[in-house]
Amino acid sequence: MGLGDLEREVMEVMWTSPSATLTVRDVGEYFPDHAYTTILTVLSRLSAKGFLQEAKQGRLNTFTATASREDYITGLILDALAHTEDRQAALAHFAEALAPSDRSFFRKIFARNTR
């Protein structure tokens, strides 16, 4: 589920773009040091990994993110938890590492869900 550096940068463009659907050229404008074919390859790989939906619009390939950045981060956390032998210990360490404001946020969520 991980992304390489350029893949992550491309996804940031996809997630922050005012337009939900972008062409290879649209994305390439953010990466002037990379060839069109490099950007096309990255977009195609992201599509194959399920991060983007690819479509044809005439002669243009267009790409749309299939999930939000928050969905991606959630997946990373859940994947990391799935790879630990002691899930509760990992969760405890995670909770201890949180800022007080984040802990307060979680308390509010848990309180709301236990009513």
PDB file of N, CA and C in Angstrom:
ATOM      1  N   MET A   1       0.817  -1.197   0.000  1.00  0.00           N
ATOM      2  CA  MET A   1       0.000   0.000   0.000  1.00  0.00           C
ATOM      3  C   MET A   1       0.861   1.262   0.000  1.00  0.00           C
ATOM      4  N   GLY A   2       2.148   1.096   0.241  1.00  0.00           N
ATOM      5  CA  GLY A   2       3.026   2.250   0.279  1.00  0.00           C
ATOM      6  C   GLY A   2       3.216   2.892  -1.077  1.00  0.00           C
ATOM      7  N   LEU A   3       3.647   4.128  -1.028  1.00  0.00           N
ATOM      8  CA  LEU A   3       3.906   4.887  -2.244  1.00  0.00           C
ATOM      9  C   LEU A   3       5.360   5.332  -2.258  1.00  0.00           C
ATOM     10  N   GLY A   4       5.943   5.365  -3.453  1.00  0.00           N
ATOM     11  CA  GLY A   4       7.269   5.924  -3.609  1.00  0.00           C
ATOM     12  C   GLY A   4       7.210   7.445  -3.482  1.00  0.00           C
ATOM     13  N   ASP A   5       8.366   8.075  -3.433  1.00  0.00           N
ATOM     14  CA  ASP A   5       8.424   9.532  -3.245  1.00  0.00           C
ATOM     15  C   ASP A   5       7.665  10.291  -4.328  1.00  0.00           C
ATOM     16  N   LEU A   6       7.937   9.976  -5.600  1.00  0.00           N
ATOM     17  CA  LEU A   6       7.265  10.685  -6.686  1.00  0.00           C
ATOM     18  C   LEU A   6       5.777  10.344  -6.716  1.00  0.00           C
ATOM     19  N   GLU A   7       5.439   9.096  -6.426  1.00  0.00           N
ATOM     20  CA  GLU A   7       4.023   8.712  -6.371  1.00  0.00           C
ATOM     21  C   GLU A   7       3.293   9.529  -5.297  1.00  0.00           C
ATOM     22  N   ARG A   8       3.928   9.680  -4.138  1.00  0.00           N
ATOM     23  CA  ARG A   8       3.321  10.454  -3.056  1.00  0.00           C
ATOM     24  C   ARG A   8       3.150  11.919  -3.466  1.00  0.00           C
ATOM     25  N   GLU A   9       4.156  12.470  -4.126  1.00  0.00           N
ATOM     26  CA  GLU A   9       4.075  13.859  -4.591  1.00  0.00           C
ATOM     27  C   GLU A   9       2.953  14.030  -5.615  1.00  0.00           C
ATOM     28  N   VAL A  10       2.826  13.077  -6.514  1.00  0.00           N
ATOM     29  CA  VAL A  10       1.754  13.133  -7.521  1.00  0.00           C
ATOM     30  C   VAL A  10       0.394  13.032  -6.835  1.00  0.00           C
ATOM     31  N   MET A  11       0.280  12.156  -5.856  1.00  0.00           N
ATOM     32  CA  MET A  11      -0.996  12.035  -5.135  1.00  0.00           C
ATOM     33  C   MET A  11      -1.329  13.329  -4.395  1.00  0.00           C
ATOM     34  N   GLU A  12      -0.332  14.013  -3.866  1.00  0.00           N
ATOM     35  CA  GLU A  12      -0.587  15.307  -3.213  1.00  0.00           C
ATOM     36  C   GLU A  12      -1.188  16.291  -4.211  1.00  0.00           C
ATOM     37  N   VAL A  13      -0.680  16.275  -5.435  1.00  0.00           N
ATOM     38  CA  VAL A  13      -1.249  17.130  -6.488  1.00  0.00           C
ATOM     39  C   VAL A  13      -2.699  16.730  -6.735  1.00  0.00           C
ATOM     40  N   MET A  14      -2.943  15.439  -6.841  1.00  0.00           N
ATOM     41  CA  MET A  14      -4.307  14.962  -7.110  1.00  0.00           C
ATOM     42  C   MET A  14      -5.254  15.353  -5.978  1.00  0.00           C
ATOM     43  N   TRP A  15      -4.795  15.201  -4.729  1.00  0.00           N
ATOM     44  CA  TRP A  15      -5.647  15.491  -3.574  1.00  0.00           C
ATOM     45  C   TRP A  15      -5.898  16.976  -3.371  1.00  0.00           C
ATOM     46  N   THR A  16      -4.961  17.825  -3.778  1.00  0.00           N
ATOM     47  CA  THR A  16      -5.093  19.260  -3.502  1.00  0.00           C
ATOM     48  C   THR A  16      -5.560  20.076  -4.704  1.00  0.00           C
ATOM     49  N   SER A  17      -5.650  19.453  -5.846  1.00  0.00           N
ATOM     50  CA  SER A  17      -6.058  20.175  -7.051  1.00  0.00           C
ATOM     51  C   SER A  17      -7.514  20.630  -6.950  1.00  0.00           C
ATOM     52  N   PRO A  18      -7.795  21.866  -7.407  1.00  0.00           N
ATOM     53  CA  PRO A  18      -9.185  22.316  -7.429  1.00  0.00           C
ATOM     54  C   PRO A  18     -10.048  21.481  -8.372  1.00  0.00           C
ATOM     55  N   SER A  19      -9.413  20.878  -9.368  1.00  0.00           N
ATOM     56  CA  SER A  19     -10.136  20.027 -10.310  1.00  0.00           C
ATOM     57  C   SER A  19      -9.995  18.571  -9.868  1.00  0.00           C
ATOM     58  N   ALA A  20     -11.084  17.850  -9.833  1.00  0.00           N
ATOM     59  CA  ALA A  20     -11.059  16.452  -9.398  1.00  0.00           C
ATOM     60  C   ALA A  20     -10.402  15.547 -10.429  1.00  0.00           C
ATOM     61  N   THR A  21     -10.480  15.921 -11.694  1.00  0.00           N
ATOM     62  CA  THR A  21      -9.930  15.106 -12.778  1.00  0.00           C
ATOM     63  C   THR A  21      -8.831  15.884 -13.474  1.00  0.00           C
ATOM     64  N   LEU A  22      -7.672  15.243 -13.629  1.00  0.00           N
ATOM     65  CA  LEU A  22      -6.518  15.895 -14.254  1.00  0.00           C
ATOM     66  C   LEU A  22      -5.969  15.053 -15.392  1.00  0.00           C
ATOM     67  N   THR A  23      -5.369  15.733 -16.360  1.00  0.00           N
ATOM     68  CA  THR A  23      -4.674  15.050 -17.450  1.00  0.00           C
ATOM     69  C   THR A  23      -3.204  14.891 -17.064  1.00  0.00           C
ATOM     70  N   VAL A  24      -2.479  14.142 -17.867  1.00  0.00           N
ATOM     71  CA  VAL A  24      -1.047  13.968 -17.647  1.00  0.00           C
ATOM     72  C   VAL A  24      -0.358  15.326 -17.704  1.00  0.00           C
ATOM     73  N   ARG A  25      -0.759  16.154 -18.658  1.00  0.00           N
ATOM     74  CA  ARG A  25      -0.159  17.488 -18.773  1.00  0.00           C
ATOM     75  C   ARG A  25      -0.448  18.345 -17.549  1.00  0.00           C
ATOM     76  N   ASP A  26      -1.679  18.267 -17.035  1.00  0.00           N
ATOM     77  CA  ASP A  26      -2.030  19.027 -15.830  1.00  0.00           C
ATOM     78  C   ASP A  26      -1.083  18.679 -14.682  1.00  0.00           C
ATOM     79  N   VAL A  27      -0.901  17.388 -14.473  1.00  0.00           N
ATOM     80  CA  VAL A  27      -0.030  16.930 -13.384  1.00  0.00           C
ATOM     81  C   VAL A  27       1.414  17.296 -13.688  1.00  0.00           C
ATOM     82  N   GLY A  28       1.816  17.135 -14.942  1.00  0.00           N
ATOM     83  CA  GLY A  28       3.185  17.434 -15.345  1.00  0.00           C
ATOM     84  C   GLY A  28       3.599  18.867 -15.098  1.00  0.00           C
ATOM     85  N   GLU A  29       2.651  19.793 -15.102  1.00  0.00           N
ATOM     86  CA  GLU A  29       2.966  21.204 -14.832  1.00  0.00           C
ATOM     87  C   GLU A  29       3.561  21.390 -13.433  1.00  0.00           C
ATOM     88  N   TYR A  30       3.242  20.506 -12.520  1.00  0.00           N
ATOM     89  CA  TYR A  30       3.779  20.578 -11.164  1.00  0.00           C
ATOM     90  C   TYR A  30       5.179  19.982 -11.058  1.00  0.00           C
ATOM     91  N   PHE A  31       5.609  19.291 -12.113  1.00  0.00           N
ATOM     92  CA  PHE A  31       6.890  18.588 -12.114  1.00  0.00           C
ATOM     93  C   PHE A  31       7.677  18.916 -13.384  1.00  0.00           C
ATOM     94  N   PRO A  32       8.104  20.170 -13.525  1.00  0.00           N
ATOM     95  CA  PRO A  32       8.781  20.570 -14.768  1.00  0.00           C
ATOM     96  C   PRO A  32      10.101  19.835 -15.022  1.00  0.00           C
ATOM     97  N   ASP A  33      10.681  19.242 -13.984  1.00  0.00           N
ATOM     98  CA  ASP A  33      11.952  18.524 -14.161  1.00  0.00           C
ATOM     99  C   ASP A  33      11.765  17.072 -14.606  1.00  0.00           C
ATOM    100  N   HIS A  34      10.498  16.647 -14.744  1.00  0.00           N
ATOM    101  CA  HIS A  34      10.218  15.268 -15.144  1.00  0.00           C
ATOM    102  C   HIS A  34       9.583  15.237 -16.533  1.00  0.00           C
ATOM    103  N   ALA A  35       9.955  14.227 -17.297  1.00  0.00           N
ATOM    104  CA  ALA A  35       9.418  14.063 -18.651  1.00  0.00           C
ATOM    105  C   ALA A  35       7.943  13.665 -18.593  1.00  0.00           C
ATOM    106  N   TYR A  36       7.245  13.998 -19.648  1.00  0.00           N
ATOM    107  CA  TYR A  36       5.827  13.630 -19.790  1.00  0.00           C
ATOM    108  C   TYR A  36       5.654  12.132 -19.587  1.00  0.00           C
ATOM    109  N   THR A  37       6.553  11.342 -20.179  1.00  0.00           N
ATOM    110  CA  THR A  37       6.438   9.876 -20.081  1.00  0.00           C
ATOM    111  C   THR A  37       6.633   9.389 -18.645  1.00  0.00           C
ATOM    112  N   THR A  38       7.468  10.082 -17.882  1.00  0.00           N
ATOM    113  CA  THR A  38       7.662   9.716 -16.474  1.00  0.00           C
ATOM    114  C   THR A  38       6.375   9.936 -15.695  1.00  0.00           C
ATOM    115  N   ILE A  39       5.743  11.082 -15.911  1.00  0.00           N
ATOM    116  CA  ILE A  39       4.489  11.399 -15.222  1.00  0.00           C
ATOM    117  C   ILE A  39       3.403  10.408 -15.645  1.00  0.00           C
ATOM    118  N   LEU A  40       3.332  10.096 -16.932  1.00  0.00           N
ATOM    119  CA  LEU A  40       2.354   9.122 -17.415  1.00  0.00           C
ATOM    120  C   LEU A  40       2.575   7.761 -16.755  1.00  0.00           C
ATOM    121  N   THR A  41       3.823   7.347 -16.638  1.00  0.00           N
ATOM    122  CA  THR A  41       4.145   6.066 -16.003  1.00  0.00           C
ATOM    123  C   THR A  41       3.702   6.063 -14.543  1.00  0.00           C
ATOM    124  N   VAL A  42       3.995   7.137 -13.821  1.00  0.00           N
ATOM    125  CA  VAL A  42       3.613   7.220 -12.405  1.00  0.00           C
ATOM    126  C   VAL A  42       2.098   7.193 -12.274  1.00  0.00           C
ATOM    127  N   LEU A  43       1.404   7.955 -13.099  1.00  0.00           N
ATOM    128  CA  LEU A  43      -0.058   7.973 -13.045  1.00  0.00           C
ATOM    129  C   LEU A  43      -0.638   6.598 -13.371  1.00  0.00           C
ATOM    130  N   SER A  44      -0.073   5.933 -14.355  1.00  0.00           N
ATOM    131  CA  SER A  44      -0.544   4.594 -14.717  1.00  0.00           C
ATOM    132  C   SER A  44      -0.306   3.593 -13.589  1.00  0.00           C
ATOM    133  N   ARG A  45       0.842   3.702 -12.925  1.00  0.00           N
ATOM    134  CA  ARG A  45       1.124   2.812 -11.785  1.00  0.00           C
ATOM    135  C   ARG A  45       0.161   3.081 -10.636  1.00  0.00           C
ATOM    136  N   LEU A  46      -0.110   4.358 -10.384  1.00  0.00           N
ATOM    137  CA  LEU A  46      -1.062   4.704  -9.321  1.00  0.00           C
ATOM    138  C   LEU A  46      -2.458   4.183  -9.655  1.00  0.00           C
ATOM    139  N   SER A  47      -2.788   4.190 -10.925  1.00  0.00           N
ATOM    140  CA  SER A  47      -4.069   3.636 -11.363  1.00  0.00           C
ATOM    141  C   SER A  47      -4.088   2.123 -11.145  1.00  0.00           C
ATOM    142  N   ALA A  48      -3.003   1.450 -11.493  1.00  0.00           N
ATOM    143  CA  ALA A  48      -2.913   0.000 -11.309  1.00  0.00           C
ATOM    144  C   ALA A  48      -2.967  -0.382  -9.828  1.00  0.00           C
ATOM    145  N   LYS A  49      -2.448   0.486  -8.959  1.00  0.00           N
ATOM    146  CA  LYS A  49      -2.470   0.235  -7.516  1.00  0.00           C
ATOM    147  C   LYS A  49      -3.821   0.579  -6.894  1.00  0.00           C
ATOM    148  N   GLY A  50      -4.708   1.200  -7.681  1.00  0.00           N
ATOM    149  CA  GLY A  50      -6.037   1.529  -7.183  1.00  0.00           C
ATOM    150  C   GLY A  50      -6.175   2.916  -6.573  1.00  0.00           C
ATOM    151  N   PHE A  51      -5.132   3.726  -6.649  1.00  0.00           N
ATOM    152  CA  PHE A  51      -5.193   5.080  -6.087  1.00  0.00           C
ATOM    153  C   PHE A  51      -5.890   6.063  -7.024  1.00  0.00           C
ATOM    154  N   LEU A  52      -5.826   5.776  -8.313  1.00  0.00           N
ATOM    155  CA  LEU A  52      -6.435   6.647  -9.323  1.00  0.00           C
ATOM    156  C   LEU A  52      -7.326   5.841 -10.238  1.00  0.00           C
ATOM    157  N   GLN A  53      -8.317   6.520 -10.781  1.00  0.00           N
ATOM    158  CA  GLN A  53      -9.153   5.925 -11.833  1.00  0.00           C
ATOM    159  C   GLN A  53      -8.746   6.610 -13.133  1.00  0.00           C
ATOM    160  N   GLU A  54      -8.415   5.805 -14.114  1.00  0.00           N
ATOM    161  CA  GLU A  54      -7.981   6.321 -15.412  1.00  0.00           C
ATOM    162  C   GLU A  54      -9.131   6.217 -16.399  1.00  0.00           C
ATOM    163  N   ALA A  55      -9.268   7.260 -17.223  1.00  0.00           N
ATOM    164  CA  ALA A  55     -10.304   7.255 -18.253  1.00  0.00           C
ATOM    165  C   ALA A  55      -9.746   7.943 -19.498  1.00  0.00           C
ATOM    166  N   LYS A  56     -10.365   7.660 -20.602  1.00  0.00           N
ATOM    167  CA  LYS A  56     -10.014   8.321 -21.870  1.00  0.00           C
ATOM    168  C   LYS A  56     -11.038   9.403 -22.145  1.00  0.00           C
ATOM    169  N   GLN A  57     -10.542  10.563 -22.484  1.00  0.00           N
ATOM    170  CA  GLN A  57     -11.409  11.670 -22.877  1.00  0.00           C
ATOM    171  C   GLN A  57     -10.891  12.135 -24.242  1.00  0.00           C
ATOM    172  N   GLY A  58     -11.451  11.541 -25.280  1.00  0.00           N
ATOM    173  CA  GLY A  58     -10.892  11.768 -26.613  1.00  0.00           C
ATOM    174  C   GLY A  58      -9.541  11.087 -26.681  1.00  0.00           C
ATOM    175  N   ARG A  59      -8.516  11.874 -26.984  1.00  0.00           N
ATOM    176  CA  ARG A  59      -7.159  11.325 -27.050  1.00  0.00           C
ATOM    177  C   ARG A  59      -6.409  11.478 -25.732  1.00  0.00           C
ATOM    178  N   LEU A  60      -7.037  12.142 -24.768  1.00  0.00           N
ATOM    179  CA  LEU A  60      -6.371  12.404 -23.495  1.00  0.00           C
ATOM    180  C   LEU A  60      -6.672  11.331 -22.455  1.00  0.00           C
ATOM    181  N   ASN A  61      -5.652  10.994 -21.683  1.00  0.00           N
ATOM    182  CA  ASN A  61      -5.854  10.150 -20.511  1.00  0.00           C
ATOM    183  C   ASN A  61      -6.150  11.082 -19.349  1.00  0.00           C
ATOM    184  N   THR A  62      -7.225  10.806 -18.610  1.00  0.00           N
ATOM    185  CA  THR A  62      -7.541  11.612 -17.441  1.00  0.00           C
ATOM    186  C   THR A  62      -7.486  10.721 -16.198  1.00  0.00           C
ATOM    187  N   PHE A  63      -7.219  11.344 -15.075  1.00  0.00           N
ATOM    188  CA  PHE A  63      -7.054  10.604 -13.829  1.00  0.00           C
ATOM    189  C   PHE A  63      -7.809  11.309 -12.716  1.00  0.00           C
ATOM    190  N   THR A  64      -8.457  10.493 -11.872  1.00  0.00           N
ATOM    191  CA  THR A  64      -9.208  10.983 -10.728  1.00  0.00           C
ATOM    192  C   THR A  64      -8.820  10.146  -9.518  1.00  0.00           C
ATOM    193  N   ALA A  65      -8.577  10.788  -8.383  1.00  0.00           N
ATOM    194  CA  ALA A  65      -8.251  10.055  -7.160  1.00  0.00           C
ATOM    195  C   ALA A  65      -9.458   9.218  -6.739  1.00  0.00           C
ATOM    196  N   THR A  66      -9.197   7.994  -6.316  1.00  0.00           N
ATOM    197  CA  THR A  66     -10.286   7.102  -5.907  1.00  0.00           C
ATOM    198  C   THR A  66     -10.602   7.233  -4.419  1.00  0.00           C
ATOM    199  N   ALA A  67      -9.699   7.833  -3.661  1.00  0.00           N
ATOM    200  CA  ALA A  67      -9.910   8.008  -2.227  1.00  0.00           C
ATOM    201  C   ALA A  67      -9.160   9.258  -1.759  1.00  0.00           C
ATOM    202  N   SER A  68      -9.503   9.716  -0.587  1.00  0.00           N
ATOM    203  CA  SER A  68      -8.891  10.929  -0.039  1.00  0.00           C
ATOM    204  C   SER A  68      -7.546  10.633   0.629  1.00  0.00           C
ATOM    205  N   ARG A  69      -6.813  11.680   0.926  1.00  0.00           N
ATOM    206  CA  ARG A  69      -5.561  11.552   1.652  1.00  0.00           C
ATOM    207  C   ARG A  69      -5.821  10.880   3.005  1.00  0.00           C
ATOM    208  N   GLU A  70      -6.917  11.258   3.653  1.00  0.00           N
ATOM    209  CA  GLU A  70      -7.261  10.683   4.953  1.00  0.00           C
ATOM    210  C   GLU A  70      -7.513   9.179   4.852  1.00  0.00           C
ATOM    211  N   ASP A  71      -8.154   8.756   3.769  1.00  0.00           N
ATOM    212  CA  ASP A  71      -8.355   7.322   3.539  1.00  0.00           C
ATOM    213  C   ASP A  71      -7.017   6.606   3.405  1.00  0.00           C
ATOM    214  N   TYR A  72      -6.083   7.227   2.694  1.00  0.00           N
ATOM    215  CA  TYR A  72      -4.754   6.648   2.499  1.00  0.00           C
ATOM    216  C   TYR A  72      -4.028   6.503   3.836  1.00  0.00           C
ATOM    217  N   ILE A  73      -4.035   7.571   4.640  1.00  0.00           N
ATOM    218  CA  ILE A  73      -3.359   7.544   5.941  1.00  0.00           C
ATOM    219  C   ILE A  73      -3.989   6.482   6.839  1.00  0.00           C
ATOM    220  N   THR A  74      -5.304   6.403   6.841  1.00  0.00           N
ATOM    221  CA  THR A  74      -5.995   5.384   7.632  1.00  0.00           C
ATOM    222  C   THR A  74      -5.542   3.993   7.213  1.00  0.00           C
ATOM    223  N   GLY A  75      -5.427   3.776   5.916  1.00  0.00           N
ATOM    224  CA  GLY A  75      -4.960   2.490   5.403  1.00  0.00           C
ATOM    225  C   GLY A  75      -3.553   2.162   5.865  1.00  0.00           C
ATOM    226  N   LEU A  76      -2.678   3.166   5.888  1.00  0.00           N
ATOM    227  CA  LEU A  76      -1.304   2.942   6.358  1.00  0.00           C
ATOM    228  C   LEU A  76      -1.295   2.515   7.826  1.00  0.00           C
ATOM    229  N   ILE A  77      -2.103   3.207   8.632  1.00  0.00           N
ATOM    230  CA  ILE A  77      -2.159   2.884  10.061  1.00  0.00           C
ATOM    231  C   ILE A  77      -2.697   1.470  10.262  1.00  0.00           C
ATOM    232  N   LEU A  78      -3.798   1.151   9.577  1.00  0.00           N
ATOM    233  CA  LEU A  78      -4.383  -0.183   9.726  1.00  0.00           C
ATOM    234  C   LEU A  78      -3.440  -1.271   9.211  1.00  0.00           C
ATOM    235  N   ASP A  79      -2.719  -0.990   8.143  1.00  0.00           N
ATOM    236  CA  ASP A  79      -1.761  -1.946   7.608  1.00  0.00           C
ATOM    237  C   ASP A  79      -0.630  -2.172   8.605  1.00  0.00           C
ATOM    238  N   ALA A  80      -0.144  -1.098   9.220  1.00  0.00           N
ATOM    239  CA  ALA A  80       0.916  -1.233  10.227  1.00  0.00           C
ATOM    240  C   ALA A  80       0.422  -2.065  11.411  1.00  0.00           C
ATOM    241  N   LEU A  81      -0.805  -1.821  11.845  1.00  0.00           N
ATOM    242  CA  LEU A  81      -1.361  -2.603  12.961  1.00  0.00           C
ATOM    243  C   LEU A  81      -1.521  -4.067  12.596  1.00  0.00           C
ATOM    244  N   ALA A  82      -1.829  -4.342  11.357  1.00  0.00           N
ATOM    245  CA  ALA A  82      -2.004  -5.728  10.911  1.00  0.00           C
ATOM    246  C   ALA A  82      -0.683  -6.494  10.916  1.00  0.00           C
ATOM    247  N   HIS A  83       0.442  -5.767  10.902  1.00  0.00           N
ATOM    248  CA  HIS A  83       1.747  -6.417  10.834  1.00  0.00           C
ATOM    249  C   HIS A  83       2.450  -6.499  12.187  1.00  0.00           C
ATOM    250  N   THR A  84       1.756  -6.195  13.269  1.00  0.00           N
ATOM    251  CA  THR A  84       2.372  -6.303  14.578  1.00  0.00           C
ATOM    252  C   THR A  84       1.859  -7.547  15.289  1.00  0.00           C
ATOM    253  N   GLU A  85       2.720  -8.121  16.112  1.00  0.00           N
ATOM    254  CA  GLU A  85       2.298  -9.291  16.884  1.00  0.00           C
ATOM    255  C   GLU A  85       1.478  -8.888  18.100  1.00  0.00           C
ATOM    256  N   ASP A  86       1.684  -7.656  18.582  1.00  0.00           N
ATOM    257  CA  ASP A  86       0.975  -7.184  19.765  1.00  0.00           C
ATOM    258  C   ASP A  86       0.266  -5.872  19.427  1.00  0.00           C
ATOM    259  N   ARG A  87      -0.909  -6.007  18.865  1.00  0.00           N
ATOM    260  CA  ARG A  87      -1.693  -4.849  18.412  1.00  0.00           C
ATOM    261  C   ARG A  87      -1.978  -3.884  19.561  1.00  0.00           C
ATOM    262  N   GLN A  88      -2.323  -4.412  20.729  1.00  0.00           N
ATOM    263  CA  GLN A  88      -2.638  -3.540  21.863  1.00  0.00           C
ATOM    264  C   GLN A  88      -1.418  -2.740  22.305  1.00  0.00           C
ATOM    265  N   ALA A  89      -0.247  -3.354  22.299  1.00  0.00           N
ATOM    266  CA  ALA A  89       0.973  -2.619  22.662  1.00  0.00           C
ATOM    267  C   ALA A  89       1.252  -1.510  21.648  1.00  0.00           C
ATOM    268  N   ALA A  90       1.075  -1.816  20.365  1.00  0.00           N
ATOM    269  CA  ALA A  90       1.291  -0.805  19.323  1.00  0.00           C
ATOM    270  C   ALA A  90       0.309   0.348  19.496  1.00  0.00           C
ATOM    271  N   LEU A  91      -0.957   0.022  19.786  1.00  0.00           N
ATOM    272  CA  LEU A  91      -1.961   1.067  19.998  1.00  0.00           C
ATOM    273  C   LEU A  91      -1.636   1.903  21.235  1.00  0.00           C
ATOM    274  N   ALA A  92      -1.148   1.254  22.284  1.00  0.00           N
ATOM    275  CA  ALA A  92      -0.786   1.973  23.505  1.00  0.00           C
ATOM    276  C   ALA A  92       0.359   2.948  23.225  1.00  0.00           C
ATOM    277  N   HIS A  93       1.372   2.499  22.492  1.00  0.00           N
ATOM    278  CA  HIS A  93       2.493   3.383  22.144  1.00  0.00           C
ATOM    279  C   HIS A  93       2.009   4.543  21.278  1.00  0.00           C
ATOM    280  N   PHE A  94       1.124   4.246  20.357  1.00  0.00           N
ATOM    281  CA  PHE A  94       0.572   5.289  19.499  1.00  0.00           C
ATOM    282  C   PHE A  94      -0.164   6.332  20.344  1.00  0.00           C
ATOM    283  N   ALA A  95      -1.020   5.858  21.247  1.00  0.00           N
ATOM    284  CA  ALA A  95      -1.800   6.776  22.088  1.00  0.00           C
ATOM    285  C   ALA A  95      -0.887   7.636  22.962  1.00  0.00           C
ATOM    286  N   GLU A  96       0.171   7.043  23.494  1.00  0.00           N
ATOM    287  CA  GLU A  96       1.109   7.789  24.333  1.00  0.00           C
ATOM    288  C   GLU A  96       1.882   8.835  23.541  1.00  0.00           C
ATOM    289  N   ALA A  97       2.061   8.593  22.260  1.00  0.00           N
ATOM    290  CA  ALA A  97       2.805   9.533  21.414  1.00  0.00           C
ATOM    291  C   ALA A  97       1.952  10.709  20.934  1.00  0.00           C
ATOM    292  N   LEU A  98       0.650  10.619  21.117  1.00  0.00           N
ATOM    293  CA  LEU A  98      -0.250  11.673  20.651  1.00  0.00           C
ATOM    294  C   LEU A  98      -0.114  12.947  21.476  1.00  0.00           C
ATOM    295  N   ALA A  99      -0.330  14.054  20.826  1.00  0.00           N
ATOM    296  CA  ALA A  99      -0.374  15.349  21.520  1.00  0.00           C
ATOM    297  C   ALA A  99      -1.630  15.381  22.397  1.00  0.00           C
ATOM    298  N   PRO A 100      -1.600  16.143  23.473  1.00  0.00           N
ATOM    299  CA  PRO A 100      -2.781  16.232  24.344  1.00  0.00           C
ATOM    300  C   PRO A 100      -4.067  16.607  23.606  1.00  0.00           C
ATOM    301  N   SER A 101      -3.976  17.474  22.629  1.00  0.00           N
ATOM    302  CA  SER A 101      -5.179  17.861  21.879  1.00  0.00           C
ATOM    303  C   SER A 101      -5.731  16.683  21.075  1.00  0.00           C
ATOM    304  N   ASP A 102      -4.835  15.823  20.555  1.00  0.00           N
ATOM    305  CA  ASP A 102      -5.287  14.634  19.826  1.00  0.00           C
ATOM    306  C   ASP A 102      -5.934  13.630  20.777  1.00  0.00           C
ATOM    307  N   ARG A 103      -5.370  13.486  21.972  1.00  0.00           N
ATOM    308  CA  ARG A 103      -5.969  12.581  22.965  1.00  0.00           C
ATOM    309  C   ARG A 103      -7.364  13.059  23.341  1.00  0.00           C
ATOM    310  N   SER A 104      -7.498  14.370  23.505  1.00  0.00           N
ATOM    311  CA  SER A 104      -8.804  14.946  23.828  1.00  0.00           C
ATOM    312  C   SER A 104      -9.799  14.670  22.709  1.00  0.00           C
ATOM    313  N   PHE A 105      -9.349  14.795  21.487  1.00  0.00           N
ATOM    314  CA  PHE A 105     -10.196  14.516  20.324  1.00  0.00           C
ATOM    315  C   PHE A 105     -10.693  13.075  20.350  1.00  0.00           C
ATOM    316  N   PHE A 106      -9.771  12.134  20.622  1.00  0.00           N
ATOM    317  CA  PHE A 106     -10.154  10.723  20.684  1.00  0.00           C
ATOM    318  C   PHE A 106     -11.144  10.467  21.814  1.00  0.00           C
ATOM    319  N   ARG A 107     -10.922  11.104  22.984  1.00  0.00           N
ATOM    320  CA  ARG A 107     -11.867  10.928  24.096  1.00  0.00           C
ATOM    321  C   ARG A 107     -13.266  11.364  23.687  1.00  0.00           C
ATOM    322  N   LYS A 108     -13.364  12.468  22.958  1.00  0.00           N
ATOM    323  CA  LYS A 108     -14.666  12.945  22.498  1.00  0.00           C
ATOM    324  C   LYS A 108     -15.319  11.946  21.530  1.00  0.00           C
ATOM    325  N   ILE A 109     -14.532  11.428  20.619  1.00  0.00           N
ATOM    326  CA  ILE A 109     -15.055  10.450  19.656  1.00  0.00           C
ATOM    327  C   ILE A 109     -15.531   9.194  20.378  1.00  0.00           C
ATOM    328  N   PHE A 110     -14.711   8.664  21.296  1.00  0.00           N
ATOM    329  CA  PHE A 110     -15.077   7.445  22.025  1.00  0.00           C
ATOM    330  C   PHE A 110     -16.298   7.683  22.891  1.00  0.00           C
ATOM    331  N   ALA A 111     -16.385   8.841  23.518  1.00  0.00           N
ATOM    332  CA  ALA A 111     -17.543   9.158  24.359  1.00  0.00           C
ATOM    333  C   ALA A 111     -18.813   9.216  23.518  1.00  0.00           C
ATOM    334  N   ARG A 112     -18.711   9.791  22.349  1.00  0.00           N
ATOM    335  CA  ARG A 112     -19.866   9.900  21.447  1.00  0.00           C
ATOM    336  C   ARG A 112     -20.323   8.528  20.954  1.00  0.00           C
ATOM    337  N   ASN A 113     -19.360   7.629  20.724  1.00  0.00           N
ATOM    338  CA  ASN A 113     -19.676   6.295  20.195  1.00  0.00           C
ATOM    339  C   ASN A 113     -20.114   5.296  21.248  1.00  0.00           C
ATOM    340  N   THR A 114     -19.988   5.641  22.519  1.00  0.00           N
ATOM    341  CA  THR A 114     -20.404   4.705  23.577  1.00  0.00           C
ATOM    342  C   THR A 114     -21.743   5.074  24.183  1.00  0.00           C
ATOM    343  N   ARG A 115     -22.357   6.104  23.682  1.00  0.00           N
ATOM    344  CA  ARG A 115     -23.676   6.510  24.204  1.00  0.00           C
ATOM    345  C   ARG A 115     -24.755   5.627  23.686  1.00  0.00           C
TER     346      ARG A 115
END
